[in-house]
Amino acid sequence: MEKIKAIYIKFFDQSETLFYRLEEVKISISGSNAEVRGRYQVTQKLKNQQTEKLWRGNLRWELVKKDGTLKITVLDYQHEKSP
């Protein structure tokens, strides 16, 4: 978990701006579980550079309702294009 956290901290620290966009979102609900599928696009402008990076692809989230709140149990991002 600490390695994942470090990756995200570095990603955000390198960013001047970030834009996250979801499209074609579909939600399936079954009992206390939900599945979200769709497409995402992240545009990152790096600090002190004119460069922008683009990530996009399919996503899948699985959620479960526990104690009245939704908890994410699975995050699945399938990149089509990496910088």
PDB file of N, CA and C in Angstrom:
ATOM      1  N   MET A   1       0.809  -1.190   0.000  1.00  0.00           N
ATOM      2  CA  MET A   1       0.000   0.000   0.000  1.00  0.00           C
ATOM      3  C   MET A   1       0.864   1.270   0.000  1.00  0.00           C
ATOM      4  N   GLU A   2       1.961   1.224   0.721  1.00  0.00           N
ATOM      5  CA  GLU A   2       2.842   2.399   0.780  1.00  0.00           C
ATOM      6  C   GLU A   2       3.469   2.715  -0.579  1.00  0.00           C
ATOM      7  N   LYS A   3       3.788   1.683  -1.357  1.00  0.00           N
ATOM      8  CA  LYS A   3       4.361   1.912  -2.689  1.00  0.00           C
ATOM      9  C   LYS A   3       3.339   2.562  -3.615  1.00  0.00           C
ATOM     10  N   ILE A   4       2.103   2.117  -3.532  1.00  0.00           N
ATOM     11  CA  ILE A   4       1.034   2.713  -4.344  1.00  0.00           C
ATOM     12  C   ILE A   4       0.849   4.176  -3.953  1.00  0.00           C
ATOM     13  N   LYS A   5       0.817   4.437  -2.656  1.00  0.00           N
ATOM     14  CA  LYS A   5       0.669   5.807  -2.165  1.00  0.00           C
ATOM     15  C   LYS A   5       1.815   6.694  -2.676  1.00  0.00           C
ATOM     16  N   ALA A   6       3.046   6.187  -2.645  1.00  0.00           N
ATOM     17  CA  ALA A   6       4.201   6.947  -3.115  1.00  0.00           C
ATOM     18  C   ALA A   6       4.094   7.274  -4.605  1.00  0.00           C
ATOM     19  N   ILE A   7       3.591   6.343  -5.398  1.00  0.00           N
ATOM     20  CA  ILE A   7       3.412   6.578  -6.838  1.00  0.00           C
ATOM     21  C   ILE A   7       2.428   7.722  -7.073  1.00  0.00           C
ATOM     22  N   TYR A   8       1.310   7.704  -6.356  1.00  0.00           N
ATOM     23  CA  TYR A   8       0.315   8.767  -6.512  1.00  0.00           C
ATOM     24  C   TYR A   8       0.845  10.111  -6.031  1.00  0.00           C
ATOM     25  N   ILE A   9       1.563  10.130  -4.927  1.00  0.00           N
ATOM     26  CA  ILE A   9       2.133  11.391  -4.419  1.00  0.00           C
ATOM     27  C   ILE A   9       3.074  11.990  -5.456  1.00  0.00           C
ATOM     28  N   LYS A  10       3.936  11.164  -6.038  1.00  0.00           N
ATOM     29  CA  LYS A  10       4.871  11.650  -7.059  1.00  0.00           C
ATOM     30  C   LYS A  10       4.114  12.187  -8.274  1.00  0.00           C
ATOM     31  N   PHE A  11       3.085  11.458  -8.716  1.00  0.00           N
ATOM     32  CA  PHE A  11       2.290  11.871  -9.874  1.00  0.00           C
ATOM     33  C   PHE A  11       1.669  13.248  -9.638  1.00  0.00           C
ATOM     34  N   PHE A  12       1.039  13.441  -8.479  1.00  0.00           N
ATOM     35  CA  PHE A  12       0.409  14.728  -8.182  1.00  0.00           C
ATOM     36  C   PHE A  12       1.448  15.828  -7.984  1.00  0.00           C
ATOM     37  N   ASP A  13       2.584  15.521  -7.365  1.00  0.00           N
ATOM     38  CA  ASP A  13       3.630  16.519  -7.158  1.00  0.00           C
ATOM     39  C   ASP A  13       4.230  17.008  -8.473  1.00  0.00           C
ATOM     40  N   GLN A  14       4.260  16.165  -9.493  1.00  0.00           N
ATOM     41  CA  GLN A  14       4.816  16.546 -10.798  1.00  0.00           C
ATOM     42  C   GLN A  14       3.828  17.366 -11.631  1.00  0.00           C
ATOM     43  N   SER A  15       2.571  17.430 -11.199  1.00  0.00           N
ATOM     44  CA  SER A  15       1.510  18.014 -12.014  1.00  0.00           C
ATOM     45  C   SER A  15       1.261  19.476 -11.685  1.00  0.00           C
ATOM     46  N   GLU A  16       1.185  20.276 -12.752  1.00  0.00           N
ATOM     47  CA  GLU A  16       0.698  21.651 -12.594  1.00  0.00           C
ATOM     48  C   GLU A  16      -0.825  21.636 -12.656  1.00  0.00           C
ATOM     49  N   THR A  17      -1.371  20.879 -13.639  1.00  0.00           N
ATOM     50  CA  THR A  17      -2.819  20.699 -13.738  1.00  0.00           C
ATOM     51  C   THR A  17      -3.119  19.259 -14.119  1.00  0.00           C
ATOM     52  N   LEU A  18      -4.298  18.804 -13.695  1.00  0.00           N
ATOM     53  CA  LEU A  18      -4.815  17.481 -14.048  1.00  0.00           C
ATOM     54  C   LEU A  18      -6.285  17.623 -14.412  1.00  0.00           C
ATOM     55  N   PHE A  19      -6.680  16.994 -15.498  1.00  0.00           N
ATOM     56  CA  PHE A  19      -8.083  16.939 -15.890  1.00  0.00           C
ATOM     57  C   PHE A  19      -8.475  15.479 -16.042  1.00  0.00           C
ATOM     58  N   TYR A  20      -9.535  15.079 -15.352  1.00  0.00           N
ATOM     59  CA  TYR A  20     -10.015  13.699 -15.373  1.00  0.00           C
ATOM     60  C   TYR A  20     -11.425  13.715 -15.924  1.00  0.00           C
ATOM     61  N   ARG A  21     -11.662  12.908 -16.937  1.00  0.00           N
ATOM     62  CA  ARG A  21     -12.970  12.899 -17.602  1.00  0.00           C
ATOM     63  C   ARG A  21     -13.462  11.470 -17.737  1.00  0.00           C
ATOM     64  N   LEU A  22     -14.743  11.259 -17.429  1.00  0.00           N
ATOM     65  CA  LEU A  22     -15.390   9.960 -17.605  1.00  0.00           C
ATOM     66  C   LEU A  22     -16.408  10.055 -18.724  1.00  0.00           C
ATOM     67  N   GLU A  23     -16.522   8.983 -19.504  1.00  0.00           N
ATOM     68  CA  GLU A  23     -17.508   8.908 -20.585  1.00  0.00           C
ATOM     69  C   GLU A  23     -18.124   7.528 -20.604  1.00  0.00           C
ATOM     70  N   GLU A  24     -19.274   7.427 -21.213  1.00  0.00           N
ATOM     71  CA  GLU A  24     -19.954   6.147 -21.447  1.00  0.00           C
ATOM     72  C   GLU A  24     -20.065   5.323 -20.163  1.00  0.00           C
ATOM     73  N   VAL A  25     -20.413   5.974 -19.070  1.00  0.00           N
ATOM     74  CA  VAL A  25     -20.484   5.310 -17.773  1.00  0.00           C
ATOM     75  C   VAL A  25     -21.745   4.455 -17.685  1.00  0.00           C
ATOM     76  N   LYS A  26     -21.556   3.201 -17.267  1.00  0.00           N
ATOM     77  CA  LYS A  26     -22.670   2.272 -17.053  1.00  0.00           C
ATOM     78  C   LYS A  26     -22.539   1.710 -15.649  1.00  0.00           C
ATOM     79  N   ILE A  27     -23.636   1.711 -14.904  1.00  0.00           N
ATOM     80  CA  ILE A  27     -23.640   1.230 -13.531  1.00  0.00           C
ATOM     81  C   ILE A  27     -24.597   0.056 -13.420  1.00  0.00           C
ATOM     82  N   SER A  28     -24.101  -1.055 -12.851  1.00  0.00           N
ATOM     83  CA  SER A  28     -24.928  -2.237 -12.591  1.00  0.00           C
ATOM     84  C   SER A  28     -24.983  -2.439 -11.086  1.00  0.00           C
ATOM     85  N   ILE A  29     -26.201  -2.614 -10.558  1.00  0.00           N
ATOM     86  CA  ILE A  29     -26.382  -2.797  -9.122  1.00  0.00           C
ATOM     87  C   ILE A  29     -26.991  -4.167  -8.864  1.00  0.00           C
ATOM     88  N   SER A  30     -26.423  -4.880  -7.904  1.00  0.00           N
ATOM     89  CA  SER A  30     -26.921  -6.199  -7.522  1.00  0.00           C
ATOM     90  C   SER A  30     -26.798  -6.322  -6.003  1.00  0.00           C
ATOM     91  N   GLY A  31     -27.905  -6.224  -5.309  1.00  0.00           N
ATOM     92  CA  GLY A  31     -27.876  -6.300  -3.847  1.00  0.00           C
ATOM     93  C   GLY A  31     -27.078  -5.152  -3.262  1.00  0.00           C
ATOM     94  N   SER A  32     -26.045  -5.483  -2.489  1.00  0.00           N
ATOM     95  CA  SER A  32     -25.208  -4.449  -1.872  1.00  0.00           C
ATOM     96  C   SER A  32     -23.951  -4.167  -2.690  1.00  0.00           C
ATOM     97  N   ASN A  33     -23.870  -4.722  -3.904  1.00  0.00           N
ATOM     98  CA  ASN A  33     -22.713  -4.518  -4.781  1.00  0.00           C
ATOM     99  C   ASN A  33     -23.083  -3.670  -5.987  1.00  0.00           C
ATOM    100  N   ALA A  34     -22.093  -2.942  -6.485  1.00  0.00           N
ATOM    101  CA  ALA A  34     -22.280  -2.161  -7.709  1.00  0.00           C
ATOM    102  C   ALA A  34     -21.018  -2.297  -8.549  1.00  0.00           C
ATOM    103  N   GLU A  35     -21.207  -2.272  -9.865  1.00  0.00           N
ATOM    104  CA  GLU A  35     -20.085  -2.279 -10.798  1.00  0.00           C
ATOM    105  C   GLU A  35     -20.251  -1.091 -11.732  1.00  0.00           C
ATOM    106  N   VAL A  36     -19.162  -0.357 -11.911  1.00  0.00           N
ATOM    107  CA  VAL A  36     -19.157   0.799 -12.802  1.00  0.00           C
ATOM    108  C   VAL A  36     -18.173   0.505 -13.921  1.00  0.00           C
ATOM    109  N   ARG A  37     -18.626   0.692 -15.154  1.00  0.00           N
ATOM    110  CA  ARG A  37     -17.754   0.541 -16.322  1.00  0.00           C
ATOM    111  C   ARG A  37     -17.861   1.804 -17.156  1.00  0.00           C
ATOM    112  N   GLY A  38     -16.777   2.154 -17.814  1.00  0.00           N
ATOM    113  CA  GLY A  38     -16.800   3.334 -18.666  1.00  0.00           C
ATOM    114  C   GLY A  38     -15.445   3.551 -19.296  1.00  0.00           C
ATOM    115  N   ARG A  39     -15.271   4.765 -19.797  1.00  0.00           N
ATOM    116  CA  ARG A  39     -14.016   5.175 -20.410  1.00  0.00           C
ATOM    117  C   ARG A  39     -13.512   6.394 -19.658  1.00  0.00           C
ATOM    118  N   TYR A  40     -12.202   6.505 -19.536  1.00  0.00           N
ATOM    119  CA  TYR A  40     -11.609   7.643 -18.840  1.00  0.00           C
ATOM    120  C   TYR A  40     -10.561   8.305 -19.722  1.00  0.00           C
ATOM    121  N   GLN A  41     -10.278   9.552 -19.388  1.00  0.00           N
ATOM    122  CA  GLN A  41      -9.186  10.281 -20.022  1.00  0.00           C
ATOM    123  C   GLN A  41      -8.582  11.205 -18.967  1.00  0.00           C
ATOM    124  N   VAL A  42      -7.268  11.134 -18.818  1.00  0.00           N
ATOM    125  CA  VAL A  42      -6.545  12.006 -17.894  1.00  0.00           C
ATOM    126  C   VAL A  42      -5.548  12.809 -18.720  1.00  0.00           C
ATOM    127  N   THR A  43      -5.609  14.137 -18.578  1.00  0.00           N
ATOM    128  CA  THR A  43      -4.644  15.027 -19.215  1.00  0.00           C
ATOM    129  C   THR A  43      -3.843  15.693 -18.101  1.00  0.00           C
ATOM    130  N   GLN A  44      -2.524  15.556 -18.166  1.00  0.00           N
ATOM    131  CA  GLN A  44      -1.641  16.083 -17.140  1.00  0.00           C
ATOM    132  C   GLN A  44      -0.697  17.097 -17.759  1.00  0.00           C
ATOM    133  N   LYS A  45      -0.668  18.315 -17.192  1.00  0.00           N
ATOM    134  CA  LYS A  45       0.341  19.289 -17.585  1.00  0.00           C
ATOM    135  C   LYS A  45       1.399  19.270 -16.502  1.00  0.00           C
ATOM    136  N   LEU A  46       2.640  19.030 -16.913  1.00  0.00           N
ATOM    137  CA  LEU A  46       3.743  18.912 -15.973  1.00  0.00           C
ATOM    138  C   LEU A  46       4.215  20.288 -15.513  1.00  0.00           C
ATOM    139  N   LYS A  47       4.667  20.368 -14.265  1.00  0.00           N
ATOM    140  CA  LYS A  47       5.215  21.611 -13.717  1.00  0.00           C
ATOM    141  C   LYS A  47       6.449  22.017 -14.508  1.00  0.00           C
ATOM    142  N   ASN A  48       6.604  23.328 -14.719  1.00  0.00           N
ATOM    143  CA  ASN A  48       7.791  23.908 -15.366  1.00  0.00           C
ATOM    144  C   ASN A  48       8.050  23.374 -16.770  1.00  0.00           C
ATOM    145  N   GLN A  49       7.009  22.856 -17.429  1.00  0.00           N
ATOM    146  CA  GLN A  49       7.163  22.356 -18.796  1.00  0.00           C
ATOM    147  C   GLN A  49       5.913  22.714 -19.591  1.00  0.00           C
ATOM    148  N   GLN A  50       6.057  22.757 -20.883  1.00  0.00           N
ATOM    149  CA  GLN A  50       4.917  22.956 -21.769  1.00  0.00           C
ATOM    150  C   GLN A  50       4.267  21.627 -22.132  1.00  0.00           C
ATOM    151  N   THR A  51       4.849  20.543 -21.667  1.00  0.00           N
ATOM    152  CA  THR A  51       4.438  19.204 -22.052  1.00  0.00           C
ATOM    153  C   THR A  51       3.135  18.793 -21.374  1.00  0.00           C
ATOM    154  N   GLU A  52       2.270  18.145 -22.149  1.00  0.00           N
ATOM    155  CA  GLU A  52       1.079  17.505 -21.599  1.00  0.00           C
ATOM    156  C   GLU A  52       1.162  16.017 -21.881  1.00  0.00           C
ATOM    157  N   LYS A  53       0.709  15.225 -20.909  1.00  0.00           N
ATOM    158  CA  LYS A  53       0.644  13.779 -21.079  1.00  0.00           C
ATOM    159  C   LYS A  53      -0.822  13.371 -21.085  1.00  0.00           C
ATOM    160  N   LEU A  54      -1.117  12.308 -21.818  1.00  0.00           N
ATOM    161  CA  LEU A  54      -2.491  11.853 -21.972  1.00  0.00           C
ATOM    162  C   LEU A  54      -2.578  10.365 -21.682  1.00  0.00           C
ATOM    163  N   TRP A  55      -3.510  10.010 -20.826  1.00  0.00           N
ATOM    164  CA  TRP A  55      -3.830   8.608 -20.561  1.00  0.00           C
ATOM    165  C   TRP A  55      -5.305   8.422 -20.855  1.00  0.00           C
ATOM    166  N   ARG A  56      -5.656   7.310 -21.490  1.00  0.00           N
ATOM    167  CA  ARG A  56      -7.072   7.014 -21.731  1.00  0.00           C
ATOM    168  C   ARG A  56      -7.258   5.518 -21.899  1.00  0.00           C
ATOM    169  N   GLY A  57      -8.502   5.094 -21.689  1.00  0.00           N
ATOM    170  CA  GLY A  57      -8.801   3.678 -21.824  1.00  0.00           C
ATOM    171  C   GLY A  57     -10.099   3.330 -21.119  1.00  0.00           C
ATOM    172  N   ASN A  58     -10.238   2.062 -20.785  1.00  0.00           N
ATOM    173  CA  ASN A  58     -11.442   1.561 -20.120  1.00  0.00           C
ATOM    174  C   ASN A  58     -11.196   1.467 -18.625  1.00  0.00           C
ATOM    175  N   LEU A  59     -12.281   1.582 -17.865  1.00  0.00           N
ATOM    176  CA  LEU A  59     -12.183   1.428 -16.424  1.00  0.00           C
ATOM    177  C   LEU A  59     -13.300   0.541 -15.908  1.00  0.00           C
ATOM    178  N   ARG A  60     -13.021  -0.068 -14.763  1.00  0.00           N
ATOM    179  CA  ARG A  60     -14.027  -0.867 -14.065  1.00  0.00           C
ATOM    180  C   ARG A  60     -13.789  -0.680 -12.578  1.00  0.00           C
ATOM    181  N   TRP A  61     -14.847  -0.304 -11.879  1.00  0.00           N
ATOM    182  CA  TRP A  61     -14.798  -0.191 -10.423  1.00  0.00           C
ATOM    183  C   TRP A  61     -15.822  -1.158  -9.856  1.00  0.00           C
ATOM    184  N   GLU A  62     -15.463  -1.829  -8.791  1.00  0.00           N
ATOM    185  CA  GLU A  62     -16.427  -2.626  -8.046  1.00  0.00           C
ATOM    186  C   GLU A  62     -16.563  -1.999  -6.668  1.00  0.00           C
ATOM    187  N   LEU A  63     -17.801  -1.852  -6.220  1.00  0.00           N
ATOM    188  CA  LEU A  63     -18.092  -1.243  -4.931  1.00  0.00           C
ATOM    189  C   LEU A  63     -19.021  -2.145  -4.135  1.00  0.00           C
ATOM    190  N   VAL A  64     -18.915  -2.054  -2.813  1.00  0.00           N
ATOM    191  CA  VAL A  64     -19.800  -2.805  -1.936  1.00  0.00           C
ATOM    192  C   VAL A  64     -20.288  -1.848  -0.855  1.00  0.00           C
ATOM    193  N   LYS A  65     -21.542  -2.000  -0.484  1.00  0.00           N
ATOM    194  CA  LYS A  65     -22.108  -1.150   0.557  1.00  0.00           C
ATOM    195  C   LYS A  65     -21.874  -1.810   1.913  1.00  0.00           C
ATOM    196  N   LYS A  66     -21.155  -1.101   2.808  1.00  0.00           N
ATOM    197  CA  LYS A  66     -20.880  -1.583   4.158  1.00  0.00           C
ATOM    198  C   LYS A  66     -21.187  -0.469   5.141  1.00  0.00           C
ATOM    199  N   ASP A  67     -21.961  -0.788   6.138  1.00  0.00           N
ATOM    200  CA  ASP A  67     -22.305   0.188   7.174  1.00  0.00           C
ATOM    201  C   ASP A  67     -22.881   1.477   6.579  1.00  0.00           C
ATOM    202  N   GLY A  68     -23.671   1.341   5.533  1.00  0.00           N
ATOM    203  CA  GLY A  68     -24.354   2.490   4.941  1.00  0.00           C
ATOM    204  C   GLY A  68     -23.534   3.325   3.980  1.00  0.00           C
ATOM    205  N   THR A  69     -22.281   2.954   3.719  1.00  0.00           N
ATOM    206  CA  THR A  69     -21.460   3.695   2.770  1.00  0.00           C
ATOM    207  C   THR A  69     -20.874   2.755   1.726  1.00  0.00           C
ATOM    208  N   LEU A  70     -20.565   3.293   0.562  1.00  0.00           N
ATOM    209  CA  LEU A  70     -19.954   2.503  -0.506  1.00  0.00           C
ATOM    210  C   LEU A  70     -18.443   2.469  -0.328  1.00  0.00           C
ATOM    211  N   LYS A  71     -17.873   1.288  -0.442  1.00  0.00           N
ATOM    212  CA  LYS A  71     -16.424   1.087  -0.367  1.00  0.00           C
ATOM    213  C   LYS A  71     -15.958   0.504  -1.692  1.00  0.00           C
ATOM    214  N   ILE A  72     -14.886   1.049  -2.228  1.00  0.00           N
ATOM    215  CA  ILE A  72     -14.321   0.533  -3.474  1.00  0.00           C
ATOM    216  C   ILE A  72     -13.519  -0.718  -3.150  1.00  0.00           C
ATOM    217  N   THR A  73     -13.812  -1.811  -3.846  1.00  0.00           N
ATOM    218  CA  THR A  73     -13.072  -3.055  -3.636  1.00  0.00           C
ATOM    219  C   THR A  73     -12.141  -3.374  -4.805  1.00  0.00           C
ATOM    220  N   VAL A  74     -12.450  -2.855  -6.000  1.00  0.00           N
ATOM    221  CA  VAL A  74     -11.616  -3.103  -7.183  1.00  0.00           C
ATOM    222  C   VAL A  74     -11.542  -1.827  -8.014  1.00  0.00           C
ATOM    223  N   LEU A  75     -10.332  -1.457  -8.420  1.00  0.00           N
ATOM    224  CA  LEU A  75     -10.095  -0.403  -9.406  1.00  0.00           C
ATOM    225  C   LEU A  75      -9.326  -1.043 -10.544  1.00  0.00           C
ATOM    226  N   ASP A  76      -9.886  -1.041 -11.738  1.00  0.00           N
ATOM    227  CA  ASP A  76      -9.246  -1.689 -12.879  1.00  0.00           C
ATOM    228  C   ASP A  76      -9.206  -0.692 -14.032  1.00  0.00           C
ATOM    229  N   TYR A  77      -8.010  -0.189 -14.333  1.00  0.00           N
ATOM    230  CA  TYR A  77      -7.817   0.734 -15.448  1.00  0.00           C
ATOM    231  C   TYR A  77      -7.046   0.013 -16.538  1.00  0.00           C
ATOM    232  N   GLN A  78      -7.568   0.012 -17.760  1.00  0.00           N
ATOM    233  CA  GLN A  78      -6.906  -0.629 -18.892  1.00  0.00           C
ATOM    234  C   GLN A  78      -6.493   0.475 -19.875  1.00  0.00           C
ATOM    235  N   HIS A  79      -5.217   0.827 -19.812  1.00  0.00           N
ATOM    236  CA  HIS A  79      -4.714   1.930 -20.628  1.00  0.00           C
ATOM    237  C   HIS A  79      -4.639   1.561 -22.107  1.00  0.00           C
ATOM    238  N   GLU A  80      -5.085   2.489 -22.946  1.00  0.00           N
ATOM    239  CA  GLU A  80      -4.913   2.323 -24.399  1.00  0.00           C
ATOM    240  C   GLU A  80      -3.671   3.033 -24.882  1.00  0.00           C
ATOM    241  N   LYS A  81      -3.350   4.158 -24.215  1.00  0.00           N
ATOM    242  CA  LYS A  81      -2.219   4.945 -24.654  1.00  0.00           C
ATOM    243  C   LYS A  81      -1.506   5.464 -23.422  1.00  0.00           C
ATOM    244  N   SER A  82      -0.200   5.276 -23.355  1.00  0.00           N
ATOM    245  CA  SER A  82       0.596   5.785 -22.249  1.00  0.00           C
ATOM    246  C   SER A  82       1.559   6.829 -22.771  1.00  0.00           C
ATOM    247  N   PRO A  83       1.887   7.783 -21.918  1.00  0.00           N
ATOM    248  CA  PRO A  83       2.847   8.813 -22.358  1.00  0.00           C
ATOM    249  C   PRO A  83       4.254   8.271 -22.507  1.00  0.00           C
TER     250      PRO A  83
END
